[in-house]
Amino acid sequence: MPPMAVVNPSWSPAIFLAPLHLLSYSTLLGTELYQSFVMTKICHQVLPRSAFTTLQQRVFPLYFRSQALLLLLTAATIPPHGYFTLQESRSNWIPFAVAGVTALLNLMIYGPRTRQIMIDRIHQETRDGRKLSDITELSDDMKALNRSFSRNHAMSIHLNLISIAAMILWGWKLASRL
C-alpha cells in the first residue's frame, strides 16, 4: 500500500470538527448545569457562610473564564466549517451571540462586581464589629452593600441562566439534525 493511500481525499474538516464540537458543547453545557445547579446548592447548604464565600470567590472567576473559552471552542468547531457555519442562518448564530454576550457580561462586569462586594461586606462586618448573620440592625453602609450585592448577584444569576438556555436551544437545534 503506498504511503498516501492512508489519507482519504474525501475527508472534510467536518469529520474532525463534528466530534470536537460535540465534546466542547457537552463540556460547556455540563459545566454550566453542574456548577449552577449542583455544586453551588450543595456548597451553600453544607459549608459555613465564610467558607462558602471564600469558595465562591475562587470558583466563579474560573467558571466564567472556562464558560467563555468553551463557548469559543464550541463555536469554532461547528461542522462543517467552524465559525463560517454560524453565518449560514440566523438560527445558527443567535444562540452563540446570546450566550457570548451573557458570558462576557458575567466575566467582565457582574462576576467581578459581585466578588468585590462579597469582600467589601466582610470588611464592613469588621468595621461594624459584628457578623452579618448575627446582626438584627444593619449599619447604613452594610445595607447599601447588601442592596448592591443583591442587584449584581441577581443579574449574574439571570445572565448565567440565559446563557444556559441559549446553549440548550443550540443543543436542540444540533440534535434535530441527527
C-alpha atoms as a PDB file:
ATOM      1  CA  MET A   1       0.000   0.000   0.000  1.00  0.00           C
ATOM      2  CA  PRO A   2       1.500   3.368  -0.982  1.00  0.00           C
ATOM      3  CA  PRO A   3       2.004   5.831   1.913  1.00  0.00           C
ATOM      4  CA  MET A   4      -0.570   8.313   0.587  1.00  0.00           C
ATOM      5  CA  ALA A   5      -3.306   5.683   0.351  1.00  0.00           C
ATOM      6  CA  VAL A   6      -3.895   6.035   4.110  1.00  0.00           C
ATOM      7  CA  VAL A   7      -5.256   9.551   3.633  1.00  0.00           C
ATOM      8  CA  ASN A   8      -8.762   9.544   2.214  1.00  0.00           C
ATOM      9  CA  PRO A   9      -9.160  12.510  -0.187  1.00  0.00           C
ATOM     10  CA  SER A  10     -12.898  12.663   0.520  1.00  0.00           C
ATOM     11  CA  TRP A  11     -12.325  13.648   4.152  1.00  0.00           C
ATOM     12  CA  SER A  12     -13.525  17.085   5.002  1.00  0.00           C
ATOM     13  CA  PRO A  13     -12.960  19.331   8.013  1.00  0.00           C
ATOM     14  CA  ALA A  14     -16.405  18.263   9.241  1.00  0.00           C
ATOM     15  CA  ILE A  15     -15.019  14.814  10.037  1.00  0.00           C
ATOM     16  CA  PHE A  16     -12.719  16.421  12.603  1.00  0.00           C
ATOM     17  CA  LEU A  17     -14.971  19.276  13.663  1.00  0.00           C
ATOM     18  CA  ALA A  18     -18.070  17.213  14.490  1.00  0.00           C
ATOM     19  CA  PRO A  19     -16.527  15.156  17.334  1.00  0.00           C
ATOM     20  CA  LEU A  20     -14.679  18.189  18.702  1.00  0.00           C
ATOM     21  CA  HIS A  21     -17.871  20.204  18.574  1.00  0.00           C
ATOM     22  CA  LEU A  22     -19.859  17.559  20.385  1.00  0.00           C
ATOM     23  CA  LEU A  23     -17.197  17.246  23.089  1.00  0.00           C
ATOM     24  CA  SER A  24     -16.815  21.004  23.584  1.00  0.00           C
ATOM     25  CA  TYR A  25     -20.580  21.601  23.552  1.00  0.00           C
ATOM     26  CA  SER A  26     -21.281  18.815  26.042  1.00  0.00           C
ATOM     27  CA  THR A  27     -18.444  20.010  28.295  1.00  0.00           C
ATOM     28  CA  LEU A  28     -19.801  23.570  28.158  1.00  0.00           C
ATOM     29  CA  LEU A  29     -23.407  22.652  28.922  1.00  0.00           C
ATOM     30  CA  GLY A  30     -22.410  20.063  31.523  1.00  0.00           C
ATOM     31  CA  THR A  31     -20.152  22.561  33.283  1.00  0.00           C
ATOM     32  CA  GLU A  32     -22.866  25.222  33.270  1.00  0.00           C
ATOM     33  CA  LEU A  33     -25.521  22.884  34.649  1.00  0.00           C
ATOM     34  CA  TYR A  34     -23.290  21.211  37.236  1.00  0.00           C
ATOM     35  CA  GLN A  35     -21.814  24.435  38.610  1.00  0.00           C
ATOM     36  CA  SER A  36     -25.109  26.316  38.587  1.00  0.00           C
ATOM     37  CA  PHE A  37     -27.477  23.703  39.960  1.00  0.00           C
ATOM     38  CA  VAL A  38     -25.423  21.089  41.803  1.00  0.00           C
ATOM     39  CA  MET A  39     -22.190  22.465  43.265  1.00  0.00           C
ATOM     40  CA  THR A  40     -23.465  25.878  44.287  1.00  0.00           C
ATOM     41  CA  LYS A  41     -26.531  24.421  46.002  1.00  0.00           C
ATOM     42  CA  ILE A  42     -24.592  21.721  47.851  1.00  0.00           C
ATOM     43  CA  CYS A  43     -21.858  24.121  48.962  1.00  0.00           C
ATOM     44  CA  HIS A  44     -24.421  26.669  50.165  1.00  0.00           C
ATOM     45  CA  GLN A  45     -26.188  24.009  52.227  1.00  0.00           C
ATOM     46  CA  VAL A  46     -23.186  22.339  53.847  1.00  0.00           C
ATOM     47  CA  LEU A  47     -20.478  24.982  54.194  1.00  0.00           C
ATOM     48  CA  PRO A  48     -20.359  27.704  56.829  1.00  0.00           C
ATOM     49  CA  ARG A  49     -21.011  31.137  55.305  1.00  0.00           C
ATOM     50  CA  SER A  50     -17.380  32.255  55.437  1.00  0.00           C
ATOM     51  CA  ALA A  51     -16.138  29.062  53.761  1.00  0.00           C
ATOM     52  CA  PHE A  52     -18.887  29.290  51.134  1.00  0.00           C
ATOM     53  CA  THR A  53     -17.960  32.897  50.379  1.00  0.00           C
ATOM     54  CA  THR A  54     -14.260  32.044  50.089  1.00  0.00           C
ATOM     55  CA  LEU A  55     -15.011  29.111  47.795  1.00  0.00           C
ATOM     56  CA  GLN A  56     -17.313  31.165  45.564  1.00  0.00           C
ATOM     57  CA  GLN A  57     -14.727  33.942  45.269  1.00  0.00           C
ATOM     58  CA  ARG A  58     -12.266  31.426  43.862  1.00  0.00           C
ATOM     59  CA  VAL A  59     -14.555  29.181  41.814  1.00  0.00           C
ATOM     60  CA  PHE A  60     -16.684  31.658  39.892  1.00  0.00           C
ATOM     61  CA  PRO A  61     -13.889  33.631  38.186  1.00  0.00           C
ATOM     62  CA  LEU A  62     -12.550  30.302  36.898  1.00  0.00           C
ATOM     63  CA  TYR A  63     -16.062  29.177  35.932  1.00  0.00           C
ATOM     64  CA  PHE A  64     -16.747  32.370  33.955  1.00  0.00           C
ATOM     65  CA  ARG A  65     -13.374  32.126  32.137  1.00  0.00           C
ATOM     66  CA  SER A  66     -13.992  28.458  31.351  1.00  0.00           C
ATOM     67  CA  GLN A  67     -17.504  29.216  30.143  1.00  0.00           C
ATOM     68  CA  ALA A  68     -16.224  31.885  27.738  1.00  0.00           C
ATOM     69  CA  LEU A  69     -13.391  29.695  26.418  1.00  0.00           C
ATOM     70  CA  LEU A  70     -15.615  26.648  25.956  1.00  0.00           C
ATOM     71  CA  LEU A  71     -18.162  28.818  24.160  1.00  0.00           C
ATOM     72  CA  LEU A  72     -15.461  30.000  21.734  1.00  0.00           C
ATOM     73  CA  LEU A  73     -14.248  26.445  21.205  1.00  0.00           C
ATOM     74  CA  THR A  74     -17.802  25.233  20.632  1.00  0.00           C
ATOM     75  CA  ALA A  75     -18.427  27.981  18.070  1.00  0.00           C
ATOM     76  CA  ALA A  76     -15.081  27.302  16.357  1.00  0.00           C
ATOM     77  CA  THR A  77     -15.871  23.616  15.895  1.00  0.00           C
ATOM     78  CA  ILE A  78     -19.392  23.795  14.436  1.00  0.00           C
ATOM     79  CA  PRO A  79     -19.442  21.390  11.494  1.00  0.00           C
ATOM     80  CA  PRO A  80     -18.912  21.629   8.616  1.00  0.00           C
ATOM     81  CA  HIS A  81     -16.915  24.926   8.531  1.00  0.00           C
ATOM     82  CA  GLY A  82     -16.453  26.156  12.091  1.00  0.00           C
ATOM     83  CA  TYR A  83     -17.239  29.853  12.629  1.00  0.00           C
ATOM     84  CA  PHE A  84     -18.306  30.191   8.983  1.00  0.00           C
ATOM     85  CA  THR A  85     -21.199  27.818   9.636  1.00  0.00           C
ATOM     86  CA  LEU A  86     -22.648  30.422  12.034  1.00  0.00           C
ATOM     87  CA  GLN A  87     -23.187  32.758   9.081  1.00  0.00           C
ATOM     88  CA  GLU A  88     -25.396  30.293   7.222  1.00  0.00           C
ATOM     89  CA  SER A  89     -28.534  31.197   9.150  1.00  0.00           C
ATOM     90  CA  ARG A  90     -29.728  33.349  11.987  1.00  0.00           C
ATOM     91  CA  SER A  91     -30.743  30.287  13.979  1.00  0.00           C
ATOM     92  CA  ASN A  92     -27.078  29.255  13.976  1.00  0.00           C
ATOM     93  CA  TRP A  93     -25.523  32.415  15.363  1.00  0.00           C
ATOM     94  CA  ILE A  94     -28.234  33.773  17.683  1.00  0.00           C
ATOM     95  CA  PRO A  95     -27.699  31.200  20.488  1.00  0.00           C
ATOM     96  CA  PHE A  96     -23.949  31.839  20.352  1.00  0.00           C
ATOM     97  CA  ALA A  97     -24.366  35.612  20.299  1.00  0.00           C
ATOM     98  CA  VAL A  98     -26.727  35.495  23.292  1.00  0.00           C
ATOM     99  CA  ALA A  99     -24.514  33.079  25.238  1.00  0.00           C
ATOM    100  CA  GLY A 100     -21.400  35.058  24.299  1.00  0.00           C
ATOM    101  CA  VAL A 101     -22.791  38.402  25.447  1.00  0.00           C
ATOM    102  CA  THR A 102     -24.120  36.981  28.707  1.00  0.00           C
ATOM    103  CA  ALA A 103     -20.877  35.090  29.416  1.00  0.00           C
ATOM    104  CA  LEU A 104     -18.789  38.210  28.731  1.00  0.00           C
ATOM    105  CA  LEU A 105     -21.007  40.353  30.954  1.00  0.00           C
ATOM    106  CA  ASN A 106     -20.512  37.868  33.789  1.00  0.00           C
ATOM    107  CA  LEU A 107     -16.796  37.530  33.104  1.00  0.00           C
ATOM    108  CA  MET A 108     -16.067  41.236  32.787  1.00  0.00           C
ATOM    109  CA  ILE A 109     -18.702  43.071  34.848  1.00  0.00           C
ATOM    110  CA  TYR A 110     -21.099  41.221  37.133  1.00  0.00           C
ATOM    111  CA  GLY A 111     -18.791  38.439  38.313  1.00  0.00           C
ATOM    112  CA  PRO A 112     -16.015  40.842  39.428  1.00  0.00           C
ATOM    113  CA  ARG A 113     -18.525  43.273  40.955  1.00  0.00           C
ATOM    114  CA  THR A 114     -20.240  40.533  42.943  1.00  0.00           C
ATOM    115  CA  ARG A 115     -16.900  39.164  44.107  1.00  0.00           C
ATOM    116  CA  GLN A 116     -15.705  42.601  45.210  1.00  0.00           C
ATOM    117  CA  ILE A 117     -18.925  43.328  47.085  1.00  0.00           C
ATOM    118  CA  MET A 118     -18.585  39.987  48.902  1.00  0.00           C
ATOM    119  CA  ILE A 119     -15.131  41.124  50.054  1.00  0.00           C
ATOM    120  CA  ASP A 120     -16.437  44.584  50.958  1.00  0.00           C
ATOM    121  CA  ARG A 121     -19.187  43.049  53.103  1.00  0.00           C
ATOM    122  CA  ILE A 122     -16.603  41.051  55.061  1.00  0.00           C
ATOM    123  CA  HIS A 123     -14.627  44.246  55.676  1.00  0.00           C
ATOM    124  CA  GLN A 124     -17.808  46.063  56.664  1.00  0.00           C
ATOM    125  CA  GLU A 125     -18.576  43.327  59.206  1.00  0.00           C
ATOM    126  CA  THR A 126     -15.165  44.009  60.744  1.00  0.00           C
ATOM    127  CA  ARG A 127     -15.768  47.786  60.792  1.00  0.00           C
ATOM    128  CA  ASP A 128     -19.220  47.239  62.329  1.00  0.00           C
ATOM    129  CA  GLY A 129     -17.722  44.828  64.844  1.00  0.00           C
ATOM    130  CA  ARG A 130     -20.288  42.110  64.223  1.00  0.00           C
ATOM    131  CA  LYS A 131     -21.137  39.350  61.774  1.00  0.00           C
ATOM    132  CA  LEU A 132     -23.831  39.795  59.145  1.00  0.00           C
ATOM    133  CA  SER A 133     -25.662  36.696  60.390  1.00  0.00           C
ATOM    134  CA  ASP A 134     -25.667  37.971  64.000  1.00  0.00           C
ATOM    135  CA  ILE A 135     -26.943  41.441  63.230  1.00  0.00           C
ATOM    136  CA  THR A 136     -30.511  42.432  63.916  1.00  0.00           C
ATOM    137  CA  GLU A 137     -29.947  46.052  62.890  1.00  0.00           C
ATOM    138  CA  LEU A 138     -27.585  46.673  59.980  1.00  0.00           C
ATOM    139  CA  SER A 139     -25.455  49.764  59.521  1.00  0.00           C
ATOM    140  CA  ASP A 140     -26.352  52.040  56.608  1.00  0.00           C
ATOM    141  CA  ASP A 141     -23.130  51.012  54.858  1.00  0.00           C
ATOM    142  CA  MET A 142     -23.974  47.323  55.229  1.00  0.00           C
ATOM    143  CA  LYS A 143     -27.497  47.911  53.939  1.00  0.00           C
ATOM    144  CA  ALA A 144     -26.063  49.649  50.867  1.00  0.00           C
ATOM    145  CA  LEU A 145     -23.604  46.797  50.293  1.00  0.00           C
ATOM    146  CA  ASN A 146     -26.381  44.215  50.675  1.00  0.00           C
ATOM    147  CA  ARG A 147     -28.557  46.038  48.118  1.00  0.00           C
ATOM    148  CA  SER A 148     -25.657  46.305  45.700  1.00  0.00           C
ATOM    149  CA  PHE A 149     -24.760  42.653  46.202  1.00  0.00           C
ATOM    150  CA  SER A 150     -28.367  41.553  45.657  1.00  0.00           C
ATOM    151  CA  ARG A 151     -28.648  43.515  42.391  1.00  0.00           C
ATOM    152  CA  ASN A 152     -25.319  42.348  40.970  1.00  0.00           C
ATOM    153  CA  HIS A 153     -25.700  38.757  42.128  1.00  0.00           C
ATOM    154  CA  ALA A 154     -29.233  38.545  40.692  1.00  0.00           C
ATOM    155  CA  MET A 155     -28.003  39.961  37.388  1.00  0.00           C
ATOM    156  CA  SER A 156     -25.168  37.413  37.306  1.00  0.00           C
ATOM    157  CA  ILE A 157     -27.575  34.551  38.040  1.00  0.00           C
ATOM    158  CA  HIS A 158     -30.009  35.670  35.339  1.00  0.00           C
ATOM    159  CA  LEU A 159     -27.242  36.136  32.766  1.00  0.00           C
ATOM    160  CA  ASN A 160     -25.973  32.646  33.553  1.00  0.00           C
ATOM    161  CA  LEU A 161     -29.475  31.190  33.134  1.00  0.00           C
ATOM    162  CA  ILE A 162     -29.870  32.977  29.796  1.00  0.00           C
ATOM    163  CA  SER A 163     -26.546  31.540  28.652  1.00  0.00           C
ATOM    164  CA  ILE A 164     -27.633  28.045  29.684  1.00  0.00           C
ATOM    165  CA  ALA A 165     -30.945  28.479  27.856  1.00  0.00           C
ATOM    166  CA  ALA A 166     -29.136  29.624  24.700  1.00  0.00           C
ATOM    167  CA  MET A 167     -26.904  26.560  24.785  1.00  0.00           C
ATOM    168  CA  ILE A 168     -29.877  24.243  25.370  1.00  0.00           C
ATOM    169  CA  LEU A 169     -31.500  25.861  22.324  1.00  0.00           C
ATOM    170  CA  TRP A 170     -28.317  25.169  20.333  1.00  0.00           C
ATOM    171  CA  GLY A 171     -28.311  21.557  21.572  1.00  0.00           C
ATOM    172  CA  TRP A 172     -31.922  21.179  20.456  1.00  0.00           C
ATOM    173  CA  LYS A 173     -31.023  22.509  17.002  1.00  0.00           C
ATOM    174  CA  LEU A 174     -27.968  20.267  16.876  1.00  0.00           C
ATOM    175  CA  ALA A 175     -29.953  17.181  17.897  1.00  0.00           C
ATOM    176  CA  SER A 176     -32.656  17.910  15.331  1.00  0.00           C
ATOM    177  CA  ARG A 177     -30.051  17.389  12.600  1.00  0.00           C
ATOM    178  CA  LEU A 178     -29.473  13.785  13.647  1.00  0.00           C
END
